Amino acid sequence: MDRPTKYKVLLKLLAKFEVYEDKKRAKGSERLWIRKYPDGTKRSIPVTCHGENYVIGVGLIKAIRRRFALTEKDGILDEEFYSKK
């Protein structure tokens, strides 16, 4: 089950799924997160950031997981998504 998570913690969790922040494409309080897939394609989503300790709400986390195909429907269980390995 998704839960609110700090910006820097969520970005670190997503790194294991080849997600990174493109700092060159940031604008105002939004940052662009990009996921690179094994076949070379990429998908992106803008994420609100008011500092690294800013808490990302459940709604945005669900949208990120759907956009990057990281849901249980896609085979990524909540336990795997939130594990720090």
N, C-alpha and C. Protein backbone atom coordinates (compact mmCIF):
# COMPACT_ATOMS: atom_id res chain seq x y z
N MET A 1 0.84 -1.18 0.00
CA MET A 1 0.00 0.00 0.00
C MET A 1 0.88 1.24 0.00
N ASP A 2 0.61 2.15 -0.90
CA ASP A 2 1.42 3.36 -1.00
C ASP A 2 1.26 4.23 0.24
N ARG A 3 2.32 4.97 0.52
CA ARG A 3 2.31 5.84 1.69
C ARG A 3 3.10 7.11 1.36
N PRO A 4 2.79 8.24 2.01
CA PRO A 4 3.55 9.46 1.77
C PRO A 4 5.03 9.21 2.04
N THR A 5 5.89 9.77 1.20
CA THR A 5 7.32 9.53 1.30
C THR A 5 8.07 10.80 0.96
N LYS A 6 9.19 11.04 1.64
CA LYS A 6 10.00 12.21 1.36
C LYS A 6 10.57 12.13 -0.06
N TYR A 7 10.71 13.29 -0.67
CA TYR A 7 11.20 13.42 -2.04
C TYR A 7 12.51 12.65 -2.25
N LYS A 8 13.51 12.91 -1.41
CA LYS A 8 14.82 12.28 -1.61
C LYS A 8 14.77 10.77 -1.38
N VAL A 9 13.92 10.31 -0.46
CA VAL A 9 13.78 8.88 -0.19
C VAL A 9 13.12 8.19 -1.38
N LEU A 10 12.06 8.81 -1.92
CA LEU A 10 11.36 8.22 -3.06
C LEU A 10 12.27 8.15 -4.28
N LEU A 11 13.04 9.19 -4.53
CA LEU A 11 13.95 9.18 -5.68
C LEU A 11 15.00 8.09 -5.51
N LYS A 12 15.46 7.88 -4.30
CA LYS A 12 16.44 6.82 -4.04
C LYS A 12 15.81 5.44 -4.26
N LEU A 13 14.55 5.26 -3.83
CA LEU A 13 13.85 3.99 -4.06
C LEU A 13 13.68 3.72 -5.55
N LEU A 14 13.38 4.77 -6.31
CA LEU A 14 13.15 4.61 -7.73
C LEU A 14 14.43 4.38 -8.53
N ALA A 15 15.57 4.73 -7.96
CA ALA A 15 16.84 4.56 -8.67
C ALA A 15 17.08 3.10 -9.06
N LYS A 16 16.60 2.16 -8.26
CA LYS A 16 16.80 0.74 -8.58
C LYS A 16 15.97 0.31 -9.79
N PHE A 17 15.04 1.18 -10.22
CA PHE A 17 14.23 0.91 -11.40
C PHE A 17 14.65 1.81 -12.58
N GLU A 18 15.88 2.31 -12.53
CA GLU A 18 16.44 3.15 -13.59
C GLU A 18 15.71 4.49 -13.73
N VAL A 19 15.25 5.04 -12.60
CA VAL A 19 14.60 6.36 -12.61
C VAL A 19 15.62 7.38 -12.08
N TYR A 20 15.69 8.52 -12.75
CA TYR A 20 16.60 9.57 -12.32
C TYR A 20 15.95 10.93 -12.55
N GLU A 21 16.51 11.93 -11.89
CA GLU A 21 16.03 13.30 -12.03
C GLU A 21 16.90 14.03 -13.04
N ASP A 22 16.28 14.67 -14.01
CA ASP A 22 17.01 15.46 -14.99
C ASP A 22 17.00 16.91 -14.50
N LYS A 23 18.07 17.30 -13.83
CA LYS A 23 18.14 18.63 -13.21
C LYS A 23 18.16 19.74 -14.25
N LYS A 24 18.59 19.45 -15.46
CA LYS A 24 18.63 20.46 -16.52
C LYS A 24 17.23 20.85 -16.98
N ARG A 25 16.28 19.97 -16.78
CA ARG A 25 14.92 20.22 -17.27
C ARG A 25 13.96 20.59 -16.14
N ALA A 26 14.49 21.02 -15.00
CA ALA A 26 13.66 21.44 -13.88
C ALA A 26 13.13 22.85 -14.15
N LYS A 27 11.93 23.10 -13.67
CA LYS A 27 11.35 24.43 -13.85
C LYS A 27 10.56 24.79 -12.61
N GLY A 28 10.99 25.83 -11.92
CA GLY A 28 10.30 26.25 -10.71
C GLY A 28 10.33 25.16 -9.65
N SER A 29 9.16 24.82 -9.14
CA SER A 29 9.09 23.81 -8.09
C SER A 29 8.87 22.41 -8.65
N GLU A 30 8.97 22.26 -9.96
CA GLU A 30 8.80 20.93 -10.57
C GLU A 30 10.13 20.40 -11.08
N ARG A 31 10.34 19.13 -10.87
CA ARG A 31 11.51 18.43 -11.37
C ARG A 31 11.03 17.36 -12.33
N LEU A 32 11.84 17.02 -13.32
CA LEU A 32 11.46 16.00 -14.28
C LEU A 32 12.15 14.69 -13.92
N TRP A 33 11.35 13.67 -13.66
CA TRP A 33 11.89 12.34 -13.39
C TRP A 33 11.73 11.51 -14.65
N ILE A 34 12.75 10.75 -14.97
CA ILE A 34 12.77 9.97 -16.20
C ILE A 34 13.12 8.52 -15.85
N ARG A 35 12.43 7.60 -16.50
CA ARG A 35 12.76 6.18 -16.37
C ARG A 35 13.26 5.68 -17.71
N LYS A 36 14.43 5.08 -17.68
CA LYS A 36 15.01 4.50 -18.87
C LYS A 36 14.74 3.00 -18.83
N TYR A 37 14.15 2.49 -19.89
CA TYR A 37 13.80 1.08 -19.98
C TYR A 37 14.91 0.31 -20.68
N PRO A 38 14.99 -1.01 -20.44
CA PRO A 38 16.05 -1.82 -21.06
C PRO A 38 16.10 -1.74 -22.59
N ASP A 39 14.94 -1.49 -23.22
CA ASP A 39 14.93 -1.42 -24.69
C ASP A 39 15.37 -0.05 -25.22
N GLY A 40 15.76 0.86 -24.30
CA GLY A 40 16.25 2.17 -24.69
C GLY A 40 15.21 3.28 -24.69
N THR A 41 13.94 2.94 -24.52
CA THR A 41 12.90 3.96 -24.47
C THR A 41 12.91 4.65 -23.11
N LYS A 42 12.29 5.82 -23.06
CA LYS A 42 12.21 6.58 -21.82
C LYS A 42 10.80 7.12 -21.64
N ARG A 43 10.41 7.27 -20.36
CA ARG A 43 9.16 7.93 -20.01
C ARG A 43 9.50 8.93 -18.91
N SER A 44 8.72 10.01 -18.84
CA SER A 44 9.00 11.02 -17.83
C SER A 44 7.72 11.49 -17.15
N ILE A 45 7.91 12.13 -15.99
CA ILE A 45 6.79 12.71 -15.25
C ILE A 45 7.34 13.88 -14.43
N PRO A 46 6.63 15.01 -14.41
CA PRO A 46 7.06 16.12 -13.55
C PRO A 46 6.64 15.85 -12.10
N VAL A 47 7.56 16.14 -11.17
CA VAL A 47 7.30 15.89 -9.75
C VAL A 47 7.55 17.18 -8.97
N THR A 48 6.61 17.55 -8.13
CA THR A 48 6.73 18.76 -7.31
C THR A 48 7.81 18.57 -6.26
N CYS A 49 8.65 19.61 -6.11
CA CYS A 49 9.71 19.56 -5.10
C CYS A 49 9.86 20.92 -4.44
N HIS A 50 9.66 20.95 -3.15
CA HIS A 50 9.89 22.18 -2.37
C HIS A 50 11.01 21.90 -1.37
N GLY A 51 12.03 21.19 -1.82
CA GLY A 51 13.16 20.79 -0.98
C GLY A 51 13.21 19.28 -0.89
N GLU A 52 14.39 18.78 -0.56
CA GLU A 52 14.59 17.33 -0.54
C GLU A 52 13.79 16.63 0.55
N ASN A 53 13.36 17.36 1.58
CA ASN A 53 12.56 16.75 2.64
C ASN A 53 11.06 16.94 2.41
N TYR A 54 10.69 17.49 1.26
CA TYR A 54 9.28 17.67 0.90
C TYR A 54 8.62 16.30 0.81
N VAL A 55 7.44 16.18 1.40
CA VAL A 55 6.73 14.89 1.40
C VAL A 55 5.84 14.79 0.17
N ILE A 56 6.06 13.72 -0.60
CA ILE A 56 5.26 13.42 -1.78
C ILE A 56 4.03 12.64 -1.32
N GLY A 57 2.87 13.11 -1.70
CA GLY A 57 1.62 12.47 -1.28
C GLY A 57 1.32 11.18 -2.02
N VAL A 58 0.39 10.44 -1.49
CA VAL A 58 0.01 9.13 -2.04
C VAL A 58 -0.49 9.24 -3.48
N GLY A 59 -1.27 10.27 -3.79
CA GLY A 59 -1.80 10.42 -5.14
C GLY A 59 -0.70 10.53 -6.18
N LEU A 60 0.32 11.35 -5.90
CA LEU A 60 1.42 11.50 -6.85
C LEU A 60 2.26 10.24 -6.92
N ILE A 61 2.45 9.56 -5.81
CA ILE A 61 3.21 8.30 -5.83
C ILE A 61 2.49 7.28 -6.70
N LYS A 62 1.18 7.19 -6.58
CA LYS A 62 0.42 6.26 -7.43
C LYS A 62 0.56 6.63 -8.90
N ALA A 63 0.52 7.93 -9.21
CA ALA A 63 0.67 8.38 -10.59
C ALA A 63 2.06 8.04 -11.12
N ILE A 64 3.09 8.22 -10.30
CA ILE A 64 4.46 7.88 -10.70
C ILE A 64 4.57 6.39 -10.98
N ARG A 65 4.02 5.58 -10.10
CA ARG A 65 4.11 4.13 -10.28
C ARG A 65 3.37 3.69 -11.54
N ARG A 66 2.21 4.28 -11.81
CA ARG A 66 1.47 3.94 -13.04
C ARG A 66 2.26 4.37 -14.27
N ARG A 67 2.76 5.58 -14.26
CA ARG A 67 3.49 6.13 -15.42
C ARG A 67 4.73 5.31 -15.75
N PHE A 68 5.43 4.85 -14.72
CA PHE A 68 6.67 4.10 -14.92
C PHE A 68 6.46 2.58 -14.90
N ALA A 69 5.21 2.13 -14.91
CA ALA A 69 4.87 0.69 -14.91
C ALA A 69 5.52 -0.02 -13.72
N LEU A 70 5.27 0.51 -12.53
CA LEU A 70 5.84 -0.05 -11.30
C LEU A 70 4.74 -0.45 -10.31
N THR A 71 3.59 -0.86 -10.83
CA THR A 71 2.46 -1.24 -9.98
C THR A 71 2.42 -2.75 -9.81
N GLU A 72 1.56 -3.21 -8.93
CA GLU A 72 1.39 -4.65 -8.75
C GLU A 72 0.91 -5.30 -10.04
N LYS A 73 0.08 -4.58 -10.79
CA LYS A 73 -0.40 -5.07 -12.09
C LYS A 73 0.77 -5.34 -13.05
N ASP A 74 1.84 -4.55 -12.88
CA ASP A 74 3.04 -4.70 -13.72
C ASP A 74 4.04 -5.68 -13.13
N GLY A 75 3.69 -6.27 -11.99
CA GLY A 75 4.57 -7.27 -11.38
C GLY A 75 5.49 -6.73 -10.30
N ILE A 76 5.33 -5.46 -9.91
CA ILE A 76 6.16 -4.86 -8.86
C ILE A 76 5.30 -4.74 -7.60
N LEU A 77 5.53 -5.62 -6.66
CA LEU A 77 4.77 -5.61 -5.41
C LEU A 77 5.18 -4.42 -4.55
N ASP A 78 4.27 -3.98 -3.68
CA ASP A 78 4.57 -2.86 -2.79
C ASP A 78 5.84 -3.12 -1.98
N GLU A 79 6.00 -4.35 -1.52
CA GLU A 79 7.19 -4.70 -0.71
C GLU A 79 8.46 -4.52 -1.52
N GLU A 80 8.44 -4.89 -2.78
CA GLU A 80 9.61 -4.73 -3.64
C GLU A 80 9.85 -3.25 -3.93
N PHE A 81 8.78 -2.51 -4.18
CA PHE A 81 8.90 -1.10 -4.50
C PHE A 81 9.51 -0.32 -3.33
N TYR A 82 9.06 -0.58 -2.12
CA TYR A 82 9.51 0.17 -0.95
C TYR A 82 10.75 -0.41 -0.27
N SER A 83 11.25 -1.56 -0.76
CA SER A 83 12.48 -2.10 -0.16
C SER A 83 13.65 -1.24 -0.57
N LYS A 84 14.66 -1.16 0.26
CA LYS A 84 15.81 -0.29 -0.01
C LYS A 84 16.93 -1.01 -0.72
N LYS A 85 16.70 -2.20 -1.21
CA LYS A 85 17.75 -2.94 -1.91
C LYS A 85 17.82 -2.54 -3.35
